[in-house]
Amino acid sequence: MNTVVIKSIDRESIRQAVLNYAVKLRREHSEIERVLWFGSWVTGLPTPGSDVDICLILSKSDKSPRDRIPDYLPLGFPVGVDLFAYTHLEFKRLKRSSPGWYSAIVSGVEV
């Protein structure tokens, strides 16, 4: 027997979850300078199964970009989260090294 599960998109609950997550991050991590929410939830084109894309701009970090991500991942979030964490200097360099990616991130909203 095959089963199909259809999940509806509750934009307001996702928006509230992102806002709460940003507040918690800022409260627990003083190194966070900016929280940028970008991608399909912001552009208005999410589909069932779309994840939330978040970019953190940090004042500093002793860890590599990949190794620092677990420090900031949310628990119990209603959808998947793609998290990117760059130091201020790394993000500034990203503008030159990956302008398309940089543009995608800054086209989002600061929360």
PDB file of N, CA and C in Angstrom:
ATOM      1  N   MET A   1       0.847  -1.186   0.000  1.00  0.00           N
ATOM      2  CA  MET A   1       0.000   0.000   0.000  1.00  0.00           C
ATOM      3  C   MET A   1       0.888   1.242   0.000  1.00  0.00           C
ATOM      4  N   ASN A   2       0.667   2.151  -0.929  1.00  0.00           N
ATOM      5  CA  ASN A   2       1.390   3.411  -0.982  1.00  0.00           C
ATOM      6  C   ASN A   2       0.599   4.485  -0.257  1.00  0.00           C
ATOM      7  N   THR A   3       1.324   5.367   0.388  1.00  0.00           N
ATOM      8  CA  THR A   3       0.679   6.438   1.120  1.00  0.00           C
ATOM      9  C   THR A   3       1.244   7.768   0.659  1.00  0.00           C
ATOM     10  N   VAL A   4       0.374   8.743   0.490  1.00  0.00           N
ATOM     11  CA  VAL A   4       0.796  10.087   0.121  1.00  0.00           C
ATOM     12  C   VAL A   4       0.486  10.994   1.289  1.00  0.00           C
ATOM     13  N   VAL A   5       1.489  11.773   1.696  1.00  0.00           N
ATOM     14  CA  VAL A   5       1.288  12.730   2.770  1.00  0.00           C
ATOM     15  C   VAL A   5       1.424  14.123   2.168  1.00  0.00           C
ATOM     16  N   ILE A   6       0.398  14.930   2.351  1.00  0.00           N
ATOM     17  CA  ILE A   6       0.429  16.303   1.856  1.00  0.00           C
ATOM     18  C   ILE A   6       0.486  17.226   3.058  1.00  0.00           C
ATOM     19  N   LYS A   7       1.525  18.055   3.075  1.00  0.00           N
ATOM     20  CA  LYS A   7       1.671  19.013   4.161  1.00  0.00           C
ATOM     21  C   LYS A   7       1.298  20.393   3.649  1.00  0.00           C
ATOM     22  N   SER A   8       0.515  21.115   4.409  1.00  0.00           N
ATOM     23  CA  SER A   8       0.168  22.464   4.000  1.00  0.00           C
ATOM     24  C   SER A   8       1.245  23.428   4.494  1.00  0.00           C
ATOM     25  N   ILE A   9       1.264  24.570   3.888  1.00  0.00           N
ATOM     26  CA  ILE A   9       2.249  25.577   4.249  1.00  0.00           C
ATOM     27  C   ILE A   9       1.569  26.611   5.134  1.00  0.00           C
ATOM     28  N   ASP A  10       2.037  26.745   6.351  1.00  0.00           N
ATOM     29  CA  ASP A  10       1.514  27.755   7.259  1.00  0.00           C
ATOM     30  C   ASP A  10       2.572  28.847   7.373  1.00  0.00           C
ATOM     31  N   ARG A  11       2.469  29.821   6.486  1.00  0.00           N
ATOM     32  CA  ARG A  11       3.476  30.888   6.414  1.00  0.00           C
ATOM     33  C   ARG A  11       3.649  31.628   7.739  1.00  0.00           C
ATOM     34  N   GLU A  12       2.563  31.885   8.413  1.00  0.00           N
ATOM     35  CA  GLU A  12       2.657  32.656   9.657  1.00  0.00           C
ATOM     36  C   GLU A  12       3.399  31.884  10.740  1.00  0.00           C
ATOM     37  N   SER A  13       3.173  30.584  10.837  1.00  0.00           N
ATOM     38  CA  SER A  13       3.883  29.815  11.866  1.00  0.00           C
ATOM     39  C   SER A  13       5.379  29.735  11.546  1.00  0.00           C
ATOM     40  N   ILE A  14       5.732  29.673  10.266  1.00  0.00           N
ATOM     41  CA  ILE A  14       7.140  29.664   9.887  1.00  0.00           C
ATOM     42  C   ILE A  14       7.764  31.018  10.190  1.00  0.00           C
ATOM     43  N   ARG A  15       7.065  32.085   9.834  1.00  0.00           N
ATOM     44  CA  ARG A  15       7.575  33.441  10.115  1.00  0.00           C
ATOM     45  C   ARG A  15       7.805  33.623  11.616  1.00  0.00           C
ATOM     46  N   GLN A  16       6.863  33.183  12.420  1.00  0.00           N
ATOM     47  CA  GLN A  16       6.995  33.329  13.875  1.00  0.00           C
ATOM     48  C   GLN A  16       8.135  32.468  14.403  1.00  0.00           C
ATOM     49  N   ALA A  17       8.291  31.270  13.866  1.00  0.00           N
ATOM     50  CA  ALA A  17       9.395  30.395  14.285  1.00  0.00           C
ATOM     51  C   ALA A  17      10.744  31.039  13.965  1.00  0.00           C
ATOM     52  N   VAL A  18      10.865  31.656  12.792  1.00  0.00           N
ATOM     53  CA  VAL A  18      12.116  32.331  12.415  1.00  0.00           C
ATOM     54  C   VAL A  18      12.394  33.505  13.358  1.00  0.00           C
ATOM     55  N   LEU A  19      11.375  34.296  13.635  1.00  0.00           N
ATOM     56  CA  LEU A  19      11.550  35.444  14.539  1.00  0.00           C
ATOM     57  C   LEU A  19      11.973  34.984  15.939  1.00  0.00           C
ATOM     58  N   ASN A  20      11.319  33.954  16.454  1.00  0.00           N
ATOM     59  CA  ASN A  20      11.671  33.422  17.778  1.00  0.00           C
ATOM     60  C   ASN A  20      13.094  32.871  17.787  1.00  0.00           C
ATOM     61  N   TYR A  21      13.460  32.190  16.723  1.00  0.00           N
ATOM     62  CA  TYR A  21      14.807  31.631  16.584  1.00  0.00           C
ATOM     63  C   TYR A  21      15.853  32.745  16.584  1.00  0.00           C
ATOM     64  N   ALA A  22      15.585  33.829  15.854  1.00  0.00           N
ATOM     65  CA  ALA A  22      16.521  34.952  15.807  1.00  0.00           C
ATOM     66  C   ALA A  22      16.689  35.589  17.186  1.00  0.00           C
ATOM     67  N   VAL A  23      15.607  35.737  17.907  1.00  0.00           N
ATOM     68  CA  VAL A  23      15.675  36.303  19.263  1.00  0.00           C
ATOM     69  C   VAL A  23      16.529  35.410  20.165  1.00  0.00           C
ATOM     70  N   LYS A  24      16.286  34.108  20.091  1.00  0.00           N
ATOM     71  CA  LYS A  24      17.041  33.154  20.914  1.00  0.00           C
ATOM     72  C   LYS A  24      18.530  33.174  20.549  1.00  0.00           C
ATOM     73  N   LEU A  25      18.825  33.200  19.260  1.00  0.00           N
ATOM     74  CA  LEU A  25      20.228  33.251  18.830  1.00  0.00           C
ATOM     75  C   LEU A  25      20.931  34.489  19.378  1.00  0.00           C
ATOM     76  N   ARG A  26      20.291  35.636  19.233  1.00  0.00           N
ATOM     77  CA  ARG A  26      20.907  36.890  19.699  1.00  0.00           C
ATOM     78  C   ARG A  26      21.089  36.894  21.215  1.00  0.00           C
ATOM     79  N   ARG A  27      20.154  36.287  21.925  1.00  0.00           N
ATOM     80  CA  ARG A  27      20.239  36.237  23.388  1.00  0.00           C
ATOM     81  C   ARG A  27      21.378  35.323  23.851  1.00  0.00           C
ATOM     82  N   GLU A  28      21.600  34.223  23.131  1.00  0.00           N
ATOM     83  CA  GLU A  28      22.569  33.220  23.568  1.00  0.00           C
ATOM     84  C   GLU A  28      23.954  33.367  22.946  1.00  0.00           C
ATOM     85  N   HIS A  29      24.084  34.167  21.882  1.00  0.00           N
ATOM     86  CA  HIS A  29      25.354  34.263  21.164  1.00  0.00           C
ATOM     87  C   HIS A  29      25.674  35.721  20.851  1.00  0.00           C
ATOM     88  N   SER A  30      26.452  36.337  21.711  1.00  0.00           N
ATOM     89  CA  SER A  30      26.766  37.762  21.544  1.00  0.00           C
ATOM     90  C   SER A  30      27.603  38.045  20.303  1.00  0.00           C
ATOM     91  N   GLU A  31      28.223  37.025  19.718  1.00  0.00           N
ATOM     92  CA  GLU A  31      29.040  37.222  18.521  1.00  0.00           C
ATOM     93  C   GLU A  31      28.211  37.405  17.247  1.00  0.00           C
ATOM     94  N   ILE A  32      26.912  37.182  17.322  1.00  0.00           N
ATOM     95  CA  ILE A  32      26.063  37.330  16.139  1.00  0.00           C
ATOM     96  C   ILE A  32      25.774  38.803  15.906  1.00  0.00           C
ATOM     97  N   GLU A  33      26.200  39.282  14.741  1.00  0.00           N
ATOM     98  CA  GLU A  33      25.955  40.674  14.360  1.00  0.00           C
ATOM     99  C   GLU A  33      24.663  40.829  13.565  1.00  0.00           C
ATOM    100  N   ARG A  34      24.390  39.851  12.693  1.00  0.00           N
ATOM    101  CA  ARG A  34      23.205  39.936  11.840  1.00  0.00           C
ATOM    102  C   ARG A  34      22.618  38.543  11.637  1.00  0.00           C
ATOM    103  N   VAL A  35      21.295  38.498  11.480  1.00  0.00           N
ATOM    104  CA  VAL A  35      20.583  37.271  11.121  1.00  0.00           C
ATOM    105  C   VAL A  35      19.794  37.598   9.859  1.00  0.00           C
ATOM    106  N   LEU A  36      20.173  36.952   8.754  1.00  0.00           N
ATOM    107  CA  LEU A  36      19.527  37.200   7.462  1.00  0.00           C
ATOM    108  C   LEU A  36      18.705  35.979   7.050  1.00  0.00           C
ATOM    109  N   TRP A  37      17.445  36.206   6.768  1.00  0.00           N
ATOM    110  CA  TRP A  37      16.531  35.157   6.314  1.00  0.00           C
ATOM    111  C   TRP A  37      16.319  35.371   4.823  1.00  0.00           C
ATOM    112  N   PHE A  38      16.645  34.359   4.032  1.00  0.00           N
ATOM    113  CA  PHE A  38      16.553  34.502   2.586  1.00  0.00           C
ATOM    114  C   PHE A  38      15.989  33.226   1.978  1.00  0.00           C
ATOM    115  N   GLY A  39      15.806  33.222   0.686  1.00  0.00           N
ATOM    116  CA  GLY A  39      15.324  32.023   0.010  1.00  0.00           C
ATOM    117  C   GLY A  39      13.831  32.045  -0.235  1.00  0.00           C
ATOM    118  N   SER A  40      13.294  30.870  -0.506  1.00  0.00           N
ATOM    119  CA  SER A  40      11.915  30.761  -0.992  1.00  0.00           C
ATOM    120  C   SER A  40      10.860  31.257   0.001  1.00  0.00           C
ATOM    121  N   TRP A  41      11.100  31.119   1.289  1.00  0.00           N
ATOM    122  CA  TRP A  41      10.110  31.611   2.258  1.00  0.00           C
ATOM    123  C   TRP A  41      10.031  33.126   2.229  1.00  0.00           C
ATOM    124  N   VAL A  42      11.117  33.778   1.876  1.00  0.00           N
ATOM    125  CA  VAL A  42      11.143  35.234   1.829  1.00  0.00           C
ATOM    126  C   VAL A  42      10.664  35.743   0.474  1.00  0.00           C
ATOM    127  N   THR A  43      11.029  35.047  -0.590  1.00  0.00           N
ATOM    128  CA  THR A  43      10.624  35.486  -1.926  1.00  0.00           C
ATOM    129  C   THR A  43       9.149  35.201  -2.195  1.00  0.00           C
ATOM    130  N   GLY A  44       8.534  34.404  -1.354  1.00  0.00           N
ATOM    131  CA  GLY A  44       7.119  34.109  -1.507  1.00  0.00           C
ATOM    132  C   GLY A  44       6.823  32.892  -2.350  1.00  0.00           C
ATOM    133  N   LEU A  45       7.837  32.052  -2.588  1.00  0.00           N
ATOM    134  CA  LEU A  45       7.636  30.883  -3.438  1.00  0.00           C
ATOM    135  C   LEU A  45       7.928  29.547  -2.748  1.00  0.00           C
ATOM    136  N   PRO A  46       7.639  29.416  -1.445  1.00  0.00           N
ATOM    137  CA  PRO A  46       7.913  28.123  -0.814  1.00  0.00           C
ATOM    138  C   PRO A  46       6.917  27.069  -1.269  1.00  0.00           C
ATOM    139  N   THR A  47       7.359  25.846  -1.242  1.00  0.00           N
ATOM    140  CA  THR A  47       6.488  24.718  -1.551  1.00  0.00           C
ATOM    141  C   THR A  47       6.493  23.807  -0.333  1.00  0.00           C
ATOM    142  N   PRO A  48       5.547  22.882  -0.230  1.00  0.00           N
ATOM    143  CA  PRO A  48       5.622  21.937   0.882  1.00  0.00           C
ATOM    144  C   PRO A  48       6.986  21.253   0.862  1.00  0.00           C
ATOM    145  N   GLY A  49       7.658  21.253   1.974  1.00  0.00           N
ATOM    146  CA  GLY A  49       8.999  20.680   2.057  1.00  0.00           C
ATOM    147  C   GLY A  49      10.112  21.699   1.929  1.00  0.00           C
ATOM    148  N   SER A  50       9.774  22.961   1.600  1.00  0.00           N
ATOM    149  CA  SER A  50      10.811  23.989   1.517  1.00  0.00           C
ATOM    150  C   SER A  50      11.431  24.222   2.886  1.00  0.00           C
ATOM    151  N   ASP A  51      12.745  24.380   2.893  1.00  0.00           N
ATOM    152  CA  ASP A  51      13.416  24.674   4.156  1.00  0.00           C
ATOM    153  C   ASP A  51      13.568  26.185   4.313  1.00  0.00           C
ATOM    154  N   VAL A  52      14.000  26.571   5.486  1.00  0.00           N
ATOM    155  CA  VAL A  52      14.268  27.972   5.798  1.00  0.00           C
ATOM    156  C   VAL A  52      15.766  28.190   5.630  1.00  0.00           C
ATOM    157  N   ASP A  53      16.134  29.242   4.910  1.00  0.00           N
ATOM    158  CA  ASP A  53      17.539  29.581   4.690  1.00  0.00           C
ATOM    159  C   ASP A  53      17.907  30.754   5.586  1.00  0.00           C
ATOM    160  N   ILE A  54      18.909  30.534   6.427  1.00  0.00           N
ATOM    161  CA  ILE A  54      19.356  31.547   7.374  1.00  0.00           C
ATOM    162  C   ILE A  54      20.855  31.740   7.229  1.00  0.00           C
ATOM    163  N   CYS A  55      21.283  32.996   7.209  1.00  0.00           N
ATOM    164  CA  CYS A  55      22.706  33.320   7.216  1.00  0.00           C
ATOM    165  C   CYS A  55      23.002  34.154   8.450  1.00  0.00           C
ATOM    166  N   LEU A  56      23.976  33.713   9.209  1.00  0.00           N
ATOM    167  CA  LEU A  56      24.428  34.454  10.383  1.00  0.00           C
ATOM    168  C   LEU A  56      25.735  35.156  10.043  1.00  0.00           C
ATOM    169  N   ILE A  57      25.838  36.405  10.447  1.00  0.00           N
ATOM    170  CA  ILE A  57      27.084  37.147  10.314  1.00  0.00           C
ATOM    171  C   ILE A  57      27.626  37.305  11.729  1.00  0.00           C
ATOM    172  N   LEU A  58      28.831  36.774  11.931  1.00  0.00           N
ATOM    173  CA  LEU A  58      29.444  36.733  13.252  1.00  0.00           C
ATOM    174  C   LEU A  58      30.586  37.743  13.348  1.00  0.00           C
ATOM    175  N   SER A  59      30.784  38.285  14.524  1.00  0.00           N
ATOM    176  CA  SER A  59      31.916  39.193  14.723  1.00  0.00           C
ATOM    177  C   SER A  59      33.227  38.422  14.657  1.00  0.00           C
ATOM    178  N   LYS A  60      33.199  37.168  15.156  1.00  0.00           N
ATOM    179  CA  LYS A  60      34.413  36.351  15.148  1.00  0.00           C
ATOM    180  C   LYS A  60      34.034  34.897  15.367  1.00  0.00           C
ATOM    181  N   SER A  61      34.958  34.007  14.996  1.00  0.00           N
ATOM    182  CA  SER A  61      34.803  32.586  15.284  1.00  0.00           C
ATOM    183  C   SER A  61      36.162  31.920  15.126  1.00  0.00           C
ATOM    184  N   ASP A  62      36.468  31.019  16.047  1.00  0.00           N
ATOM    185  CA  ASP A  62      37.708  30.255  15.976  1.00  0.00           C
ATOM    186  C   ASP A  62      37.528  28.968  15.177  1.00  0.00           C
ATOM    187  N   LYS A  63      36.298  28.678  14.769  1.00  0.00           N
ATOM    188  CA  LYS A  63      35.992  27.438  14.043  1.00  0.00           C
ATOM    189  C   LYS A  63      35.862  27.723  12.550  1.00  0.00           C
ATOM    190  N   SER A  64      36.008  26.663  11.749  1.00  0.00           N
ATOM    191  CA  SER A  64      35.783  26.787  10.306  1.00  0.00           C
ATOM    192  C   SER A  64      34.283  27.003  10.082  1.00  0.00           C
ATOM    193  N   PRO A  65      33.907  27.557   8.918  1.00  0.00           N
ATOM    194  CA  PRO A  65      32.473  27.773   8.658  1.00  0.00           C
ATOM    195  C   PRO A  65      31.632  26.508   8.838  1.00  0.00           C
ATOM    196  N   ARG A  66      32.122  25.373   8.401  1.00  0.00           N
ATOM    197  CA  ARG A  66      31.365  24.123   8.536  1.00  0.00           C
ATOM    198  C   ARG A  66      31.258  23.683   9.998  1.00  0.00           C
ATOM    199  N   ASP A  67      32.349  23.813  10.746  1.00  0.00           N
ATOM    200  CA  ASP A  67      32.365  23.339  12.132  1.00  0.00           C
ATOM    201  C   ASP A  67      31.560  24.220  13.081  1.00  0.00           C
ATOM    202  N   ARG A  68      31.280  25.437  12.698  1.00  0.00           N
ATOM    203  CA  ARG A  68      30.531  26.320  13.611  1.00  0.00           C
ATOM    204  C   ARG A  68      29.019  26.158  13.485  1.00  0.00           C
ATOM    205  N   ILE A  69      28.535  25.577  12.401  1.00  0.00           N
ATOM    206  CA  ILE A  69      27.092  25.477  12.174  1.00  0.00           C
ATOM    207  C   ILE A  69      26.348  24.747  13.300  1.00  0.00           C
ATOM    208  N   PRO A  70      26.848  23.606  13.805  1.00  0.00           N
ATOM    209  CA  PRO A  70      26.100  22.923  14.879  1.00  0.00           C
ATOM    210  C   PRO A  70      25.870  23.795  16.129  1.00  0.00           C
ATOM    211  N   ASP A  71      26.716  24.783  16.343  1.00  0.00           N
ATOM    212  CA  ASP A  71      26.553  25.660  17.510  1.00  0.00           C
ATOM    213  C   ASP A  71      25.280  26.497  17.428  1.00  0.00           C
ATOM    214  N   TYR A  72      24.745  26.657  16.225  1.00  0.00           N
ATOM    215  CA  TYR A  72      23.629  27.579  16.025  1.00  0.00           C
ATOM    216  C   TYR A  72      22.341  26.925  15.524  1.00  0.00           C
ATOM    217  N   LEU A  73      22.367  25.639  15.215  1.00  0.00           N
ATOM    218  CA  LEU A  73      21.166  24.989  14.678  1.00  0.00           C
ATOM    219  C   LEU A  73      20.039  24.958  15.708  1.00  0.00           C
ATOM    220  N   PRO A  74      18.811  25.215  15.255  1.00  0.00           N
ATOM    221  CA  PRO A  74      17.679  25.180  16.181  1.00  0.00           C
ATOM    222  C   PRO A  74      17.227  23.748  16.445  1.00  0.00           C
ATOM    223  N   LEU A  75      16.591  23.555  17.583  1.00  0.00           N
ATOM    224  CA  LEU A  75      15.974  22.275  17.922  1.00  0.00           C
ATOM    225  C   LEU A  75      14.468  22.411  17.755  1.00  0.00           C
ATOM    226  N   GLY A  76      13.839  21.400  17.204  1.00  0.00           N
ATOM    227  CA  GLY A  76      12.384  21.389  17.109  1.00  0.00           C
ATOM    228  C   GLY A  76      11.801  22.414  16.162  1.00  0.00           C
ATOM    229  N   PHE A  77      12.544  22.796  15.133  1.00  0.00           N
ATOM    230  CA  PHE A  77      12.034  23.774  14.178  1.00  0.00           C
ATOM    231  C   PHE A  77      10.972  23.095  13.299  1.00  0.00           C
ATOM    232  N   PRO A  78       9.920  23.815  12.885  1.00  0.00           N
ATOM    233  CA  PRO A  78       8.816  23.167  12.149  1.00  0.00           C
ATOM    234  C   PRO A  78       9.165  22.693  10.739  1.00  0.00           C
ATOM    235  N   VAL A  79      10.248  23.211  10.147  1.00  0.00           N
ATOM    236  CA  VAL A  79      10.717  22.762   8.823  1.00  0.00           C
ATOM    237  C   VAL A  79      12.237  22.662   8.892  1.00  0.00           C
ATOM    238  N   GLY A  80      12.840  22.110   7.842  1.00  0.00           N
ATOM    239  CA  GLY A  80      14.293  22.042   7.788  1.00  0.00           C
ATOM    240  C   GLY A  80      14.916  23.424   7.727  1.00  0.00           C
ATOM    241  N   VAL A  81      16.157  23.513   8.185  1.00  0.00           N
ATOM    242  CA  VAL A  81      16.882  24.780   8.179  1.00  0.00           C
ATOM    243  C   VAL A  81      18.223  24.576   7.484  1.00  0.00           C
ATOM    244  N   ASP A  82      18.492  25.415   6.494  1.00  0.00           N
ATOM    245  CA  ASP A  82      19.821  25.496   5.899  1.00  0.00           C
ATOM    246  C   ASP A  82      20.489  26.704   6.526  1.00  0.00           C
ATOM    247  N   LEU A  83      21.546  26.451   7.265  1.00  0.00           N
ATOM    248  CA  LEU A  83      22.196  27.506   8.040  1.00  0.00           C
ATOM    249  C   LEU A  83      23.602  27.751   7.508  1.00  0.00           C
ATOM    250  N   PHE A  84      23.927  29.013   7.370  1.00  0.00           N
ATOM    251  CA  PHE A  84      25.249  29.440   6.924  1.00  0.00           C
ATOM    252  C   PHE A  84      25.745  30.454   7.941  1.00  0.00           C
ATOM    253  N   ALA A  85      26.985  30.308   8.379  1.00  0.00           N
ATOM    254  CA  ALA A  85      27.535  31.210   9.405  1.00  0.00           C
ATOM    255  C   ALA A  85      28.892  31.710   8.943  1.00  0.00           C
ATOM    256  N   TYR A  86      28.946  32.987   8.637  1.00  0.00           N
ATOM    257  CA  TYR A  86      30.175  33.621   8.171  1.00  0.00           C
ATOM    258  C   TYR A  86      30.607  34.688   9.169  1.00  0.00           C
ATOM    259  N   THR A  87      31.914  34.823   9.346  1.00  0.00           N
ATOM    260  CA  THR A  87      32.377  35.981  10.108  1.00  0.00           C
ATOM    261  C   THR A  87      32.155  37.213   9.234  1.00  0.00           C
ATOM    262  N   HIS A  88      32.219  38.367   9.862  1.00  0.00           N
ATOM    263  CA  HIS A  88      32.042  39.627   9.136  1.00  0.00           C
ATOM    264  C   HIS A  88      33.020  39.712   7.960  1.00  0.00           C
ATOM    265  N   LEU A  89      34.274  39.354   8.195  1.00  0.00           N
ATOM    266  CA  LEU A  89      35.291  39.418   7.138  1.00  0.00           C
ATOM    267  C   LEU A  89      35.037  38.385   6.037  1.00  0.00           C
ATOM    268  N   GLU A  90      34.634  37.177   6.407  1.00  0.00           N
ATOM    269  CA  GLU A  90      34.312  36.154   5.406  1.00  0.00           C
ATOM    270  C   GLU A  90      33.157  36.608   4.519  1.00  0.00           C
ATOM    271  N   PHE A  91      32.153  37.236   5.133  1.00  0.00           N
ATOM    272  CA  PHE A  91      30.993  37.686   4.380  1.00  0.00           C
ATOM    273  C   PHE A  91      31.379  38.808   3.417  1.00  0.00           C
ATOM    274  N   LYS A  92      32.242  39.690   3.882  1.00  0.00           N
ATOM    275  CA  LYS A  92      32.729  40.776   3.026  1.00  0.00           C
ATOM    276  C   LYS A  92      33.479  40.203   1.813  1.00  0.00           C
ATOM    277  N   ARG A  93      34.307  39.176   2.034  1.00  0.00           N
ATOM    278  CA  ARG A  93      35.039  38.517   0.946  1.00  0.00           C
ATOM    279  C   ARG A  93      34.095  37.793  -0.010  1.00  0.00           C
ATOM    280  N   LEU A  94      32.998  37.282   0.518  1.00  0.00           N
ATOM    281  CA  LEU A  94      32.026  36.554  -0.288  1.00  0.00           C
ATOM    282  C   LEU A  94      31.459  37.434  -1.401  1.00  0.00           C
ATOM    283  N   LYS A  95      31.342  38.718  -1.139  1.00  0.00           N
ATOM    284  CA  LYS A  95      30.821  39.651  -2.136  1.00  0.00           C
ATOM    285  C   LYS A  95      31.670  39.621  -3.401  1.00  0.00           C
ATOM    286  N   ARG A  96      32.987  39.453  -3.235  1.00  0.00           N
ATOM    287  CA  ARG A  96      33.893  39.396  -4.386  1.00  0.00           C
ATOM    288  C   ARG A  96      34.026  37.979  -4.942  1.00  0.00           C
ATOM    289  N   SER A  97      34.127  36.987  -4.064  1.00  0.00           N
ATOM    290  CA  SER A  97      34.411  35.616  -4.514  1.00  0.00           C
ATOM    291  C   SER A  97      33.182  34.887  -5.058  1.00  0.00           C
ATOM    292  N   SER A  98      32.005  35.192  -4.526  1.00  0.00           N
ATOM    293  CA  SER A  98      30.756  34.536  -4.963  1.00  0.00           C
ATOM    294  C   SER A  98      29.634  35.569  -5.016  1.00  0.00           C
ATOM    295  N   PRO A  99      29.689  36.490  -5.972  1.00  0.00           N
ATOM    296  CA  PRO A  99      28.711  37.583  -5.991  1.00  0.00           C
ATOM    297  C   PRO A  99      27.258  37.126  -6.118  1.00  0.00           C
ATOM    298  N   GLY A 100      27.003  36.042  -6.843  1.00  0.00           N
ATOM    299  CA  GLY A 100      25.630  35.548  -6.965  1.00  0.00           C
ATOM    300  C   GLY A 100      25.090  35.043  -5.643  1.00  0.00           C
ATOM    301  N   TRP A 101      25.914  34.294  -4.918  1.00  0.00           N
ATOM    302  CA  TRP A 101      25.525  33.765  -3.605  1.00  0.00           C
ATOM    303  C   TRP A 101      25.337  34.910  -2.622  1.00  0.00           C
ATOM    304  N   TYR A 102      26.264  35.848  -2.640  1.00  0.00           N
ATOM    305  CA  TYR A 102      26.178  37.026  -1.766  1.00  0.00           C
ATOM    306  C   TYR A 102      24.865  37.771  -2.043  1.00  0.00           C
ATOM    307  N   SER A 103      24.557  37.965  -3.310  1.00  0.00           N
ATOM    308  CA  SER A 103      23.337  38.674  -3.699  1.00  0.00           C
ATOM    309  C   SER A 103      22.092  37.938  -3.223  1.00  0.00           C
ATOM    310  N   ALA A 104      22.090  36.611  -3.318  1.00  0.00           N
ATOM    311  CA  ALA A 104      20.941  35.818  -2.851  1.00  0.00           C
ATOM    312  C   ALA A 104      20.719  36.029  -1.354  1.00  0.00           C
ATOM    313  N   ILE A 105      21.806  36.067  -0.608  1.00  0.00           N
ATOM    314  CA  ILE A 105      21.697  36.237   0.849  1.00  0.00           C
ATOM    315  C   ILE A 105      21.188  37.631   1.185  1.00  0.00           C
ATOM    316  N   VAL A 106      21.811  38.660   0.609  1.00  0.00           N
ATOM    317  CA  VAL A 106      21.416  40.034   0.971  1.00  0.00           C
ATOM    318  C   VAL A 106      20.068  40.438   0.391  1.00  0.00           C
ATOM    319  N   SER A 107      19.507  39.627  -0.523  1.00  0.00           N
ATOM    320  CA  SER A 107      18.174  39.924  -1.030  1.00  0.00           C
ATOM    321  C   SER A 107      17.114  39.541  -0.011  1.00  0.00           C
ATOM    322  N   GLY A 108      17.522  38.866   1.037  1.00  0.00           N
ATOM    323  CA  GLY A 108      16.590  38.462   2.090  1.00  0.00           C
ATOM    324  C   GLY A 108      16.279  39.601   3.043  1.00  0.00           C
ATOM    325  N   VAL A 109      15.798  39.242   4.210  1.00  0.00           N
ATOM    326  CA  VAL A 109      15.435  40.243   5.224  1.00  0.00           C
ATOM    327  C   VAL A 109      16.241  39.988   6.492  1.00  0.00           C
ATOM    328  N   GLU A 110      16.548  41.061   7.166  1.00  0.00           N
ATOM    329  CA  GLU A 110      17.236  40.938   8.444  1.00  0.00           C
ATOM    330  C   GLU A 110      16.198  40.747   9.534  1.00  0.00           C
ATOM    331  N   VAL A 111      16.422  39.735  10.367  1.00  0.00           N
ATOM    332  CA  VAL A 111      15.479  39.460  11.467  1.00  0.00           C
ATOM    333  C   VAL A 111      16.201  39.559  12.791  1.00  0.00           C
TER     334      VAL A 111
END
